Amino acid sequence: MTNEGRNAMGDWLGIDFGTSNSAAAYVQDGTVRRIRLDRDSDTVPSAVFFSIDDKSMAAGSLANTALIDRLEGRYMRSLKRVLGTSLMAERRTILDRKLDFYDIVSAFLKIIKDRSEEQAGRRFDKVVAGRPVLFDSRDAEIDARAAADLERCYRMAGFADVIFLPEPEAAALSVTGNIGAGDLGVVVDIGGGTSDFTVFRKAGRAIEVSASHGVQLGGTDFDRALNLKFIMPCLGHGHPIRHGMDGQTVTAPNAIFQDLATWEKIHLLYTNKTMTLAKGLVRDAVDPAVFQRLHHALDWQLGHEVAFLAERSKIASNDAPGRTEIDLGLLERGLTAAMDPAEIEMVFAGFTDTLAETLNDTLIRAGVSRDAVSHVVPVGGASLMRLVQSAISRVIPEASVIDTPIFTAVVDGLALHGGALTAGN
């Protein structure tokens, strides 16, 4: 088929819509071409900012900058984790408009589509969309609903044809040139919201997938755990408040701190109802100064900045093992929270166990032994975490690590799959 005929129909675009970051790519003349979605980067933060000043929606690093610069508006991140939940259809007033998450997610995907078409000089009306093996590993109904939600968002963004490909299988496609015929590999894809595993074998130029499995656990869960353990206690989490007329004390309600440490729920706390709750906690607290920080965080809408501190502290503690100090000066001058390595290890221990168990279960589903695996393919920024590497070493210690672009291996594979579909036509 000529280029003119193909462009009239529209081409396939691969999109890796991630919890933390997203990417897009296509195949031209047999080569993967990644889209520069964010300034000079192949990836874009999966974040949006609705500006009150000019009634516009910014995406990616522009959204992050607007938040950091304290511009007036609404910031949202981890949009992917809302898929399949009741929050998707809840309409909220944003910039004087009633919007739900179908509108917001599809608008973000439309930005990716528009930037891709502008850079590639062609029309993309078909998408090979990455998806986790399981959006929700505990509830099959939510998992199916999340897939349906995401397909709806892609169609709202302007894609006529939508094909899903599990993200670890896409990553496996991207490394076929790095392993020998017959070799057995395992993709370990640790995303922002899910962790996925695929056992595959090299078969000619293609791959044969033996099994894929996943769990709803990812990098944002690591952030949240550190936030709850080390930062939220500085705002009152776990502290006592007075209850009743007799002066008895109880522990402060947990839910407000859980939500404040959860990326996709932070923006939901900026309401009069939550502010009233925070004022009540200050009034009833044994130590009011601690809960005053909570009130300040909500009043000044600092929840996302605090979550970014947790994320950066996670990275810092992984890069330089040792005692890590979190600077909480945005809440109170001179305030810090110390993270001890032993305490961090305790926080992450359960995650390591879960990842190791899920990886081992994937091998069982594939019917292969641990020592049969020759290669492991780590994918996703969180795959660099020591807790993840510990889980891998526990299950397949002899496997050789394939050096692959951890942030773009998935989108490369999605593009390759799209290229194969085009060639097949």
Protein backbone atom coordinates (compact mmCIF):
# COMPACT_ATOMS: atom_id res chain seq x y z
CA MET A 1 0.00 0.00 0.00
CA THR A 2 1.30 3.46 -0.86
CA ASN A 3 1.92 6.07 1.81
CA GLU A 4 -0.85 8.17 0.27
CA GLY A 5 -3.36 5.35 0.56
CA ARG A 6 -2.28 4.47 4.10
CA ASN A 7 -2.51 8.09 5.27
CA ALA A 8 -6.02 8.37 3.84
CA MET A 9 -7.03 5.50 6.15
CA GLY A 10 -5.00 6.64 9.13
CA ASP A 11 -2.10 4.82 10.76
CA TRP A 12 -1.49 2.92 13.97
CA LEU A 13 -0.06 4.76 16.95
CA GLY A 14 1.27 2.99 20.01
CA ILE A 15 0.38 4.69 23.30
CA ASP A 16 1.60 3.71 26.73
CA PHE A 17 -0.78 5.62 29.02
CA GLY A 18 0.83 5.22 32.41
CA THR A 19 -0.04 6.08 35.98
CA SER A 20 2.99 8.36 36.32
CA ASN A 21 4.21 8.88 32.74
CA SER A 22 2.98 8.26 29.21
CA ALA A 23 4.63 7.77 25.81
CA ALA A 24 3.71 7.38 22.14
CA ALA A 25 5.50 5.88 19.13
CA TYR A 26 4.90 4.55 15.63
CA VAL A 27 6.84 2.58 13.03
CA GLN A 28 8.23 4.15 9.88
CA ASP A 29 10.27 2.14 7.39
CA GLY A 30 10.65 -0.63 9.92
CA THR A 31 12.03 1.67 12.63
CA VAL A 32 10.33 2.77 15.83
CA ARG A 33 9.86 6.54 15.97
CA ARG A 34 9.09 7.91 19.41
CA ILE A 35 7.11 11.11 19.79
CA ARG A 36 8.68 13.96 21.73
CA LEU A 37 5.64 14.48 23.88
CA ASP A 38 7.08 16.83 26.47
CA ARG A 39 9.68 19.39 25.49
CA ASP A 40 12.75 17.25 24.69
CA SER A 41 11.49 14.06 26.33
CA ASP A 42 10.06 10.83 24.92
CA THR A 43 7.76 10.62 27.95
CA VAL A 44 5.26 13.01 29.47
CA PRO A 45 4.03 13.09 33.07
CA SER A 46 0.46 11.82 33.24
CA ALA A 47 -0.74 15.01 34.90
CA VAL A 48 -3.07 17.86 34.05
CA PHE A 49 -3.64 21.33 35.45
CA PHE A 50 -6.78 23.40 34.95
CA SER A 51 -5.88 27.08 35.15
CA ILE A 52 -8.41 29.44 36.63
CA ASP A 53 -6.71 32.43 35.00
CA ASP A 54 -7.12 31.50 31.33
CA LYS A 55 -9.56 28.56 31.63
CA SER A 56 -7.08 26.23 29.90
CA MET A 57 -5.84 22.70 30.58
CA ALA A 58 -2.07 22.12 30.67
CA ALA A 59 -0.56 18.64 30.52
CA GLY A 60 2.72 17.02 31.46
CA SER A 61 5.61 19.08 32.78
CA LEU A 62 3.61 22.28 32.19
CA ALA A 63 1.02 20.96 34.63
CA ASN A 64 3.75 20.13 37.16
CA THR A 65 5.29 23.59 36.73
CA ALA A 66 1.93 25.27 37.28
CA LEU A 67 1.57 23.35 40.53
CA ILE A 68 5.09 24.19 41.72
CA ASP A 69 4.63 27.86 40.78
CA ARG A 70 1.47 27.91 42.89
CA LEU A 71 -0.75 29.06 40.04
CA GLU A 72 -4.43 29.10 40.88
CA GLY A 73 -6.21 26.06 39.55
CA ARG A 74 -6.79 22.31 39.88
CA TYR A 75 -3.97 19.75 39.55
CA MET A 76 -4.54 16.04 38.90
CA ARG A 77 -2.15 13.11 38.59
CA SER A 78 -2.40 9.30 38.49
CA LEU A 79 -5.47 9.52 36.26
CA LYS A 80 -5.09 5.86 35.28
CA ARG A 81 -5.87 4.68 38.80
CA VAL A 82 -9.37 6.14 38.58
CA LEU A 83 -10.32 3.76 35.73
CA GLY A 84 -12.95 1.24 36.76
CA THR A 85 -13.99 3.18 39.86
CA SER A 86 -17.17 5.11 40.55
CA LEU A 87 -15.13 8.34 40.38
CA MET A 88 -14.99 8.08 36.56
CA ALA A 89 -18.60 9.20 36.11
CA GLU A 90 -18.75 11.74 38.93
CA ARG A 91 -19.17 15.17 37.40
CA ARG A 92 -17.36 18.02 39.12
CA THR A 93 -17.28 21.73 38.41
CA ILE A 94 -13.87 22.59 36.94
CA LEU A 95 -13.32 25.98 35.30
CA ASP A 96 -17.06 26.65 35.38
CA ARG A 97 -17.73 23.41 33.52
CA LYS A 98 -19.12 20.08 34.68
CA LEU A 99 -16.49 17.46 33.84
CA ASP A 100 -16.02 13.81 34.71
CA PHE A 101 -12.91 11.69 34.38
CA TYR A 102 -13.96 10.42 30.95
CA ASP A 103 -13.66 14.02 29.79
CA ILE A 104 -10.33 14.56 31.57
CA VAL A 105 -8.61 11.32 30.52
CA SER A 106 -9.80 11.61 26.91
CA ALA A 107 -8.57 15.23 26.78
CA PHE A 108 -5.13 14.07 27.92
CA LEU A 109 -5.11 11.29 25.28
CA LYS A 110 -6.25 13.79 22.64
CA ILE A 111 -3.19 15.92 23.44
CA ILE A 112 -0.99 12.87 22.84
CA LYS A 113 -2.79 12.16 19.56
CA ASP A 114 -2.50 15.76 18.34
CA ARG A 115 1.20 16.06 19.21
CA SER A 116 1.90 12.72 17.53
CA GLU A 117 0.14 13.72 14.31
CA GLU A 118 1.88 17.08 14.24
CA GLN A 119 5.35 15.58 14.65
CA ALA A 120 4.82 12.56 12.41
CA GLY A 121 3.04 14.50 9.66
CA ARG A 122 0.36 11.83 9.38
CA ARG A 123 -3.04 11.00 10.77
CA PHE A 124 -3.43 8.38 13.50
CA ASP A 125 -6.95 7.06 13.88
CA LYS A 126 -5.91 3.63 15.18
CA VAL A 127 -4.19 2.92 18.45
CA VAL A 128 -2.39 -0.03 19.96
CA ALA A 129 -2.95 0.82 23.60
CA GLY A 130 -0.94 -0.65 26.42
CA ARG A 131 -2.82 -2.00 29.40
CA PRO A 132 -1.76 -3.78 32.57
CA VAL A 133 -2.36 -7.51 32.70
CA LEU A 134 -4.84 -6.72 35.46
CA PHE A 135 -6.10 -3.23 36.26
CA ASP A 136 -7.42 -4.71 39.50
CA SER A 137 -6.01 -8.02 40.72
CA ARG A 138 -8.70 -8.44 43.39
CA ASP A 139 -11.95 -7.75 41.55
CA ALA A 140 -12.63 -9.09 38.04
CA GLU A 141 -15.62 -6.77 37.61
CA ILE A 142 -13.56 -3.66 38.33
CA ASP A 143 -10.83 -4.97 36.01
CA ALA A 144 -13.29 -5.37 33.13
CA ARG A 145 -14.87 -1.98 33.83
CA ALA A 146 -11.45 -0.29 33.81
CA ALA A 147 -10.66 -1.72 30.37
CA ALA A 148 -14.03 -0.54 29.08
CA ASP A 149 -13.45 2.90 30.58
CA LEU A 150 -10.07 3.23 28.90
CA GLU A 151 -11.42 2.13 25.51
CA ARG A 152 -14.19 4.70 25.82
CA CYS A 153 -11.62 7.42 26.56
CA TYR A 154 -9.53 6.49 23.52
CA ARG A 155 -12.61 6.67 21.29
CA MET A 156 -13.60 10.02 22.80
CA ALA A 157 -10.06 11.20 21.97
CA GLY A 158 -10.67 10.45 18.28
CA PHE A 159 -9.38 6.90 17.71
CA ALA A 160 -11.70 4.78 15.54
CA ASP A 161 -9.89 1.49 16.16
CA VAL A 162 -8.58 0.51 19.59
CA ILE A 163 -6.56 -2.64 20.24
CA PHE A 164 -5.16 -3.46 23.67
CA LEU A 165 -1.87 -5.24 24.28
CA PRO A 166 -0.65 -6.16 27.78
CA GLU A 167 2.27 -3.90 28.65
CA PRO A 168 4.78 -6.64 29.60
CA GLU A 169 4.06 -8.46 26.33
CA ALA A 170 4.77 -5.25 24.45
CA ALA A 171 8.06 -4.90 26.34
CA ALA A 172 8.96 -8.47 25.36
CA LEU A 173 8.41 -7.57 21.68
CA SER A 174 10.90 -4.71 22.03
CA VAL A 175 13.81 -6.97 23.13
CA THR A 176 13.64 -9.79 20.59
CA GLY A 177 16.91 -8.63 19.11
CA ASN A 178 18.68 -8.97 22.47
CA ILE A 179 18.12 -12.68 23.08
CA GLY A 180 18.85 -15.87 21.19
CA ALA A 181 16.44 -18.28 19.54
CA GLY A 182 14.70 -20.47 22.07
CA ASP A 183 15.81 -18.40 25.08
CA LEU A 184 13.30 -18.03 27.88
CA GLY A 185 12.80 -14.55 29.30
CA VAL A 186 10.67 -12.85 31.94
CA VAL A 187 9.52 -9.24 31.72
CA VAL A 188 9.21 -7.53 35.11
CA ASP A 189 7.21 -4.38 34.46
CA ILE A 190 6.82 -2.21 37.57
CA GLY A 191 4.60 0.72 36.71
CA GLY A 192 3.14 3.50 38.78
CA GLY A 193 0.01 1.56 39.69
CA THR A 194 0.52 -2.07 38.69
CA SER A 195 3.26 -4.69 38.48
CA ASP A 196 3.11 -7.10 35.54
CA PHE A 197 5.07 -10.20 34.57
CA THR A 198 5.29 -12.05 31.26
CA VAL A 199 7.14 -15.31 30.55
CA PHE A 200 8.10 -15.53 26.87
CA ARG A 201 10.33 -17.47 24.50
CA LYS A 202 12.14 -16.20 21.41
CA ALA A 203 10.63 -17.88 18.33
CA GLY A 204 12.25 -16.67 15.12
CA ARG A 205 11.69 -12.92 14.96
CA ALA A 206 8.63 -13.16 17.16
CA ILE A 207 7.90 -14.22 20.72
CA GLU A 208 5.72 -16.91 22.21
CA VAL A 209 4.05 -15.83 25.43
CA SER A 210 3.73 -18.65 27.96
CA ALA A 211 1.96 -16.71 30.71
CA SER A 212 1.24 -13.21 31.95
CA HIS A 213 0.18 -12.21 35.43
CA GLY A 214 -0.03 -9.03 37.48
CA VAL A 215 -0.87 -7.39 40.76
CA GLN A 216 -2.29 -3.98 41.62
CA LEU A 217 0.88 -2.60 43.17
CA GLY A 218 3.30 -0.02 41.82
CA GLY A 219 5.52 2.95 42.39
CA THR A 220 2.78 5.24 43.64
CA ASP A 221 2.02 2.65 46.33
CA PHE A 222 5.64 2.88 47.43
CA ASP A 223 5.27 6.69 47.61
CA ARG A 224 2.07 6.37 49.60
CA ALA A 225 3.58 3.95 52.12
CA LEU A 226 6.52 6.27 52.81
CA ASN A 227 4.19 9.25 53.02
CA LEU A 228 1.98 7.55 55.61
CA LYS A 229 4.91 6.24 57.64
CA PHE A 230 7.15 9.29 57.76
CA ILE A 231 5.28 12.43 56.65
CA MET A 232 1.64 12.08 57.68
CA PRO A 233 2.52 11.62 61.40
CA CYS A 234 3.90 15.18 61.23
CA LEU A 235 0.37 16.28 60.26
CA GLY A 236 -1.42 14.31 62.97
CA HIS A 237 -1.68 10.75 61.60
CA GLY A 238 -1.73 8.42 64.60
CA HIS A 239 -1.95 11.29 67.11
CA PRO A 240 -4.62 11.47 69.83
CA ILE A 241 -7.65 13.73 69.94
CA ARG A 242 -10.06 14.27 72.82
CA HIS A 243 -13.34 12.44 72.50
CA GLY A 244 -16.50 13.05 74.50
CA MET A 245 -17.17 15.04 77.64
CA ASP A 246 -15.04 12.89 79.94
CA GLY A 247 -11.74 13.87 78.30
CA GLN A 248 -10.94 10.41 76.94
CA THR A 249 -8.70 10.30 73.91
CA VAL A 250 -8.85 8.33 70.68
CA THR A 251 -6.62 8.20 67.64
CA ALA A 252 -7.46 10.74 64.95
CA PRO A 253 -9.55 9.42 62.03
CA ASN A 254 -7.38 7.62 59.52
CA ALA A 255 -9.22 8.27 56.25
CA ILE A 256 -8.18 11.90 55.74
CA PHE A 257 -4.48 10.96 55.96
CA GLN A 258 -4.93 7.93 53.70
CA ASP A 259 -6.52 10.12 51.02
CA LEU A 260 -3.96 12.90 51.43
CA ALA A 261 -1.19 10.35 50.72
CA THR A 262 -2.98 8.91 47.65
CA TRP A 263 -2.16 10.71 44.40
CA GLU A 264 -5.53 10.28 42.69
CA LYS A 265 -7.54 11.32 45.75
CA ILE A 266 -5.68 14.42 46.89
CA HIS A 267 -7.66 16.91 44.80
CA LEU A 268 -10.92 15.53 46.25
CA LEU A 269 -9.97 16.81 49.72
CA TYR A 270 -10.07 20.49 48.87
CA THR A 271 -13.66 20.98 50.02
CA ASN A 272 -15.45 22.88 52.77
CA LYS A 273 -16.40 19.57 54.39
CA THR A 274 -12.76 18.50 54.70
CA MET A 275 -11.71 21.90 55.99
CA THR A 276 -14.38 21.69 58.68
CA LEU A 277 -13.05 18.28 59.69
CA ALA A 278 -9.49 19.62 59.88
CA LYS A 279 -10.60 22.55 62.05
CA GLY A 280 -12.35 20.12 64.36
CA LEU A 281 -9.18 18.04 64.69
CA VAL A 282 -7.19 21.15 65.63
CA ARG A 283 -9.83 22.03 68.23
CA ASP A 284 -9.93 18.54 69.80
CA ALA A 285 -6.24 17.66 69.51
CA VAL A 286 -4.04 16.91 72.47
CA ASP A 287 -1.29 18.62 70.47
CA PRO A 288 -3.05 21.21 68.27
CA ALA A 289 0.19 22.38 66.59
CA VAL A 290 0.54 19.04 64.80
CA PHE A 291 -2.98 19.15 63.34
CA GLN A 292 -2.49 22.80 62.42
CA ARG A 293 -0.05 21.53 59.79
CA LEU A 294 -2.82 19.37 58.36
CA HIS A 295 -5.12 22.39 58.23
CA HIS A 296 -2.37 24.38 56.53
CA ALA A 297 -1.75 21.62 53.95
CA LEU A 298 -5.42 21.57 53.02
CA ASP A 299 -5.99 25.32 53.16
CA TRP A 300 -3.03 25.99 50.89
CA GLN A 301 -3.65 22.87 48.77
CA LEU A 302 -0.19 21.44 49.41
CA GLY A 303 -1.15 17.77 49.17
CA HIS A 304 0.50 17.15 45.80
CA GLU A 305 3.69 18.96 46.82
CA VAL A 306 3.87 16.71 49.89
CA ALA A 307 3.33 13.66 47.67
CA PHE A 308 6.17 14.82 45.42
CA LEU A 309 8.38 15.05 48.53
CA ALA A 310 7.55 11.42 49.32
CA GLU A 311 8.35 10.40 45.74
CA ARG A 312 11.68 12.23 45.74
CA SER A 313 12.56 10.79 49.14
CA LYS A 314 11.84 7.30 47.81
CA ILE A 315 14.29 7.87 44.95
CA ALA A 316 16.90 9.46 47.21
CA SER A 317 16.79 6.63 49.73
CA ASN A 318 17.18 4.10 46.92
CA ASP A 319 20.10 5.92 45.27
CA ALA A 320 21.99 6.61 48.51
CA PRO A 321 21.22 4.09 51.26
CA GLY A 322 21.37 5.69 54.66
CA ARG A 323 19.37 8.03 56.83
CA THR A 324 17.25 10.34 54.66
CA GLU A 325 15.86 13.68 55.82
CA ILE A 326 12.63 14.94 54.28
CA ASP A 327 12.44 18.73 54.28
CA LEU A 328 8.90 19.70 55.27
CA GLY A 329 9.57 23.43 55.41
CA LEU A 330 6.56 24.10 53.18
CA LEU A 331 4.41 23.07 56.16
CA GLU A 332 6.42 24.65 58.95
CA ARG A 333 9.78 26.38 58.96
CA GLY A 334 12.56 23.99 60.02
CA LEU A 335 10.31 20.92 60.05
CA THR A 336 11.93 17.66 58.88
CA ALA A 337 11.07 13.97 58.94
CA ALA A 338 13.81 11.36 59.21
CA MET A 339 13.67 8.06 57.31
CA ASP A 340 15.83 5.36 58.88
CA PRO A 341 16.99 2.58 56.48
CA ALA A 342 15.75 -0.15 58.80
CA GLU A 343 12.30 1.46 58.97
CA ILE A 344 12.21 1.88 55.19
CA GLU A 345 13.04 -1.80 54.79
CA MET A 346 10.17 -2.69 57.13
CA VAL A 347 7.78 -0.51 55.11
CA PHE A 348 8.81 -2.20 51.86
CA ALA A 349 9.11 -5.78 53.14
CA GLY A 350 5.51 -6.67 52.32
CA PHE A 351 5.85 -5.24 48.82
CA THR A 352 8.94 -7.37 48.15
CA ASP A 353 7.07 -10.48 49.32
CA THR A 354 4.08 -9.69 47.09
CA LEU A 355 6.22 -9.09 44.01
CA ALA A 356 8.24 -12.27 44.57
CA GLU A 357 5.07 -14.33 45.06
CA THR A 358 3.47 -12.90 41.92
CA LEU A 359 6.61 -13.51 39.85
CA ASN A 360 6.82 -17.10 41.12
CA ASP A 361 3.12 -17.60 40.39
CA THR A 362 3.69 -16.40 36.82
CA LEU A 363 6.39 -19.06 36.34
CA ILE A 364 4.01 -21.71 37.69
CA ARG A 365 1.29 -20.58 35.27
CA ALA A 366 3.82 -20.83 32.44
CA GLY A 367 4.86 -24.29 33.54
CA VAL A 368 8.55 -23.44 33.70
CA SER A 369 11.10 -23.87 36.46
CA ARG A 370 13.05 -21.02 37.97
CA ASP A 371 16.39 -22.22 36.59
CA ALA A 372 14.98 -22.39 33.05
CA VAL A 373 14.76 -18.59 32.83
CA SER A 374 17.80 -17.23 31.00
CA HIS A 375 16.91 -13.52 30.86
CA VAL A 376 14.99 -10.96 32.89
CA VAL A 377 13.76 -7.72 31.34
CA PRO A 378 13.15 -4.98 33.95
CA VAL A 379 10.77 -2.25 32.74
CA GLY A 380 9.42 0.89 34.39
CA GLY A 381 11.15 3.42 36.62
CA ALA A 382 10.18 1.58 39.81
CA SER A 383 12.01 -1.53 38.56
CA LEU A 384 15.21 0.23 39.71
CA MET A 385 14.07 0.03 43.34
CA ARG A 386 16.09 -2.30 45.54
CA LEU A 387 12.90 -3.88 46.82
CA VAL A 388 12.04 -4.93 43.24
CA GLN A 389 15.55 -6.20 42.52
CA SER A 390 15.41 -8.16 45.77
CA ALA A 391 12.16 -9.82 44.66
CA ILE A 392 13.69 -10.75 41.30
CA SER A 393 16.85 -12.15 42.93
CA ARG A 394 14.75 -14.20 45.32
CA VAL A 395 12.95 -15.99 42.46
CA ILE A 396 15.30 -16.04 39.44
CA PRO A 397 18.79 -15.23 40.77
CA GLU A 398 20.66 -16.75 37.81
CA ALA A 399 18.84 -14.86 35.05
CA SER A 400 20.86 -12.34 33.04
CA VAL A 401 19.50 -8.80 33.02
CA ILE A 402 18.78 -7.34 29.58
CA ASP A 403 19.71 -3.68 29.42
CA THR A 404 16.69 -1.99 27.87
CA PRO A 405 15.24 1.54 27.92
CA ILE A 406 13.09 1.02 30.99
CA PHE A 407 10.82 4.01 30.33
CA THR A 408 10.08 3.32 26.65
CA ALA A 409 10.36 -0.46 26.16
CA VAL A 410 6.58 -0.81 26.40
CA VAL A 411 5.74 1.89 23.86
CA ASP A 412 8.42 0.56 21.50
CA GLY A 413 6.69 -2.83 21.57
CA LEU A 414 3.27 -1.27 21.07
CA ALA A 415 4.56 0.58 18.01
CA LEU A 416 6.11 -2.61 16.64
CA HIS A 417 2.80 -4.40 17.03
CA GLY A 418 1.09 -1.55 15.17
CA GLY A 419 3.71 -1.77 12.43
CA ALA A 420 3.03 -5.48 12.07
CA LEU A 421 -0.69 -4.81 11.75
CA THR A 422 0.00 -2.28 8.99
CA ALA A 423 2.32 -4.71 7.17
CA GLY A 424 -0.34 -7.41 7.44
CA ASN A 425 -2.80 -5.19 5.64
